[in-house]
Structure formats: structure tokens, C-alpha cells
């Protein structure tokens, strides 16, 4: 019985870690996209005013 609880707890920890990893990667990709858009907007603004 104790072994089943440990195995179940380990499975839950692994699932949570994987879910958190995917959420972190999504945040990184979203942030990268926002930075890229900001850089493009800055470049376009700089080139328009020069």
C-alpha cells in the first residue's frame, strides 16, 4: 500500500513538472514574440524619422 502511494505521488510530481515546463516554455516563446514585435516597431519608427 505504501509503495502504491509513493508511485502515485511520484507520477503526480512528474505530471506537474512536465506541465510547468510546458507553461514556462510557452511564456518564453510569448515573451520572445513580444520582444520581436517591439524591436520591429522600434526599427520602423527609427527608419521613418531618419
N, C-alpha and C. Protein backbone atom coordinates (compact mmCIF):
# COMPACT_ATOMS: atom_id res chain seq x y z
N UNK A 1 0.83 -1.20 0.00
CA UNK A 1 0.00 0.00 0.00
C UNK A 1 0.88 1.26 0.00
N UNK A 2 1.90 1.27 0.84
CA UNK A 2 2.80 2.43 0.91
C UNK A 2 3.50 2.64 -0.44
N UNK A 3 3.90 1.55 -1.08
CA UNK A 3 4.58 1.64 -2.38
C UNK A 3 3.66 2.26 -3.42
N UNK A 4 2.40 1.87 -3.41
CA UNK A 4 1.43 2.44 -4.36
C UNK A 4 1.29 3.94 -4.16
N UNK A 5 1.25 4.36 -2.92
CA UNK A 5 1.14 5.80 -2.63
C UNK A 5 2.37 6.55 -3.11
N UNK A 6 3.55 5.96 -2.89
CA UNK A 6 4.79 6.59 -3.35
C UNK A 6 4.83 6.67 -4.88
N UNK A 7 4.46 5.60 -5.53
CA UNK A 7 4.44 5.60 -7.00
C UNK A 7 3.45 6.61 -7.53
N UNK A 8 2.29 6.70 -6.90
CA UNK A 8 1.28 7.66 -7.32
C UNK A 8 1.77 9.10 -7.10
N UNK A 9 2.40 9.31 -5.94
CA UNK A 9 2.93 10.65 -5.66
C UNK A 9 4.00 11.03 -6.67
N UNK A 10 4.87 10.09 -7.00
CA UNK A 10 5.92 10.36 -7.98
C UNK A 10 5.32 10.67 -9.34
N UNK A 11 4.28 9.96 -9.74
CA UNK A 11 3.61 10.21 -11.02
C UNK A 11 3.00 11.61 -11.04
N UNK A 12 2.40 12.01 -9.93
CA UNK A 12 1.81 13.35 -9.83
C UNK A 12 2.90 14.41 -9.94
N UNK A 13 4.01 14.20 -9.26
CA UNK A 13 5.13 15.15 -9.32
C UNK A 13 5.65 15.26 -10.75
N UNK A 14 5.81 14.14 -11.42
CA UNK A 14 6.28 14.17 -12.81
C UNK A 14 5.30 14.90 -13.72
N UNK A 15 4.01 14.64 -13.56
CA UNK A 15 3.00 15.33 -14.37
C UNK A 15 3.03 16.83 -14.14
N UNK A 16 3.13 17.23 -12.88
CA UNK A 16 3.18 18.66 -12.55
C UNK A 16 4.44 19.31 -13.12
N UNK A 17 5.56 18.62 -13.01
CA UNK A 17 6.82 19.16 -13.54
C UNK A 17 6.73 19.33 -15.05
N UNK A 18 6.17 18.35 -15.72
CA UNK A 18 6.03 18.44 -17.18
C UNK A 18 5.08 19.57 -17.57
N UNK A 19 3.99 19.69 -16.86
CA UNK A 19 3.03 20.77 -17.14
C UNK A 19 3.67 22.13 -16.91
N UNK A 20 4.40 22.26 -15.81
CA UNK A 20 5.08 23.52 -15.51
C UNK A 20 6.14 23.84 -16.55
N UNK A 21 6.85 22.82 -17.03
CA UNK A 21 7.86 23.02 -18.06
C UNK A 21 7.21 23.56 -19.33
N UNK A 22 6.09 22.96 -19.72
CA UNK A 22 5.41 23.41 -20.94
C UNK A 22 4.88 24.84 -20.77
N UNK A 23 4.37 25.17 -19.61
CA UNK A 23 3.90 26.53 -19.36
C UNK A 23 5.06 27.52 -19.40
N UNK A 24 6.20 27.13 -18.84
CA UNK A 24 7.37 28.00 -18.88
C UNK A 24 7.83 28.23 -20.32
N UNK A 25 7.88 27.17 -21.10
CA UNK A 25 8.30 27.30 -22.50
C UNK A 25 7.32 28.18 -23.28
N UNK A 26 6.03 28.05 -22.99
CA UNK A 26 5.03 28.90 -23.65
C UNK A 26 5.28 30.36 -23.29
N UNK A 27 5.56 30.64 -22.02
CA UNK A 27 5.84 32.01 -21.58
C UNK A 27 7.09 32.56 -22.27
N UNK A 28 8.11 31.72 -22.39
CA UNK A 28 9.35 32.16 -23.05
C UNK A 28 9.08 32.49 -24.52
N UNK A 29 8.35 31.65 -25.20
CA UNK A 29 8.03 31.88 -26.61
C UNK A 29 7.18 33.14 -26.75
N UNK A 30 6.18 33.30 -25.90
CA UNK A 30 5.34 34.50 -25.95
C UNK A 30 6.15 35.76 -25.71
N UNK A 31 7.06 35.72 -24.72
CA UNK A 31 7.90 36.87 -24.43
C UNK A 31 8.81 37.18 -25.62
N UNK A 32 9.39 36.16 -26.20
CA UNK A 32 10.26 36.34 -27.36
C UNK A 32 9.49 37.00 -28.51
N UNK A 33 8.28 36.56 -28.72
CA UNK A 33 7.44 37.13 -29.78
C UNK A 33 7.16 38.61 -29.51
N UNK A 34 6.86 38.95 -28.25
CA UNK A 34 6.59 40.36 -27.90
C UNK A 34 7.83 41.22 -28.08
N UNK A 35 8.99 40.68 -27.70
CA UNK A 35 10.25 41.43 -27.87
C UNK A 35 10.52 41.64 -29.35
N UNK A 36 10.28 40.62 -30.15
CA UNK A 36 10.50 40.73 -31.60
C UNK A 36 9.58 41.80 -32.20
N UNK A 37 8.31 41.80 -31.80
CA UNK A 37 7.39 42.81 -32.30
C UNK A 37 7.82 44.21 -31.88
N UNK A 38 8.28 44.36 -30.64
CA UNK A 38 8.74 45.66 -30.16
C UNK A 38 9.98 46.11 -30.93
N UNK A 39 10.88 45.20 -31.22
CA UNK A 39 12.08 45.54 -31.97
C UNK A 39 11.73 45.97 -33.39
N UNK A 40 10.79 45.30 -34.00
CA UNK A 40 10.36 45.67 -35.35
C UNK A 40 9.72 47.05 -35.33
N UNK A 41 8.87 47.30 -34.35
CA UNK A 41 8.22 48.62 -34.25
C UNK A 41 9.25 49.71 -34.02
N UNK A 42 10.25 49.45 -33.18
CA UNK A 42 11.30 50.44 -32.93
C UNK A 42 12.11 50.69 -34.19
N UNK A 43 12.43 49.63 -34.91
CA UNK A 43 13.20 49.76 -36.16
C UNK A 43 12.42 50.59 -37.17
N UNK A 44 11.13 50.29 -37.31
CA UNK A 44 10.31 51.02 -38.27
C UNK A 44 10.20 52.50 -37.87
N UNK A 45 10.02 52.75 -36.60
CA UNK A 45 9.94 54.14 -36.11
C UNK A 45 11.25 54.87 -36.35
N UNK A 46 12.36 54.22 -36.05
CA UNK A 46 13.67 54.82 -36.27
C UNK A 46 13.89 55.15 -37.74
N UNK A 47 13.52 54.25 -38.64
CA UNK A 47 13.73 54.46 -40.06
C UNK A 47 12.80 55.49 -40.67
N UNK A 48 11.63 55.65 -40.08
CA UNK A 48 10.69 56.65 -40.58
C UNK A 48 11.19 58.05 -40.23
N UNK A 49 11.76 58.22 -39.06
CA UNK A 49 12.18 59.54 -38.58
C UNK A 49 13.60 59.92 -39.01
N UNK A 50 14.29 59.05 -39.69
CA UNK A 50 15.67 59.37 -40.11
C UNK A 50 15.73 59.75 -41.56
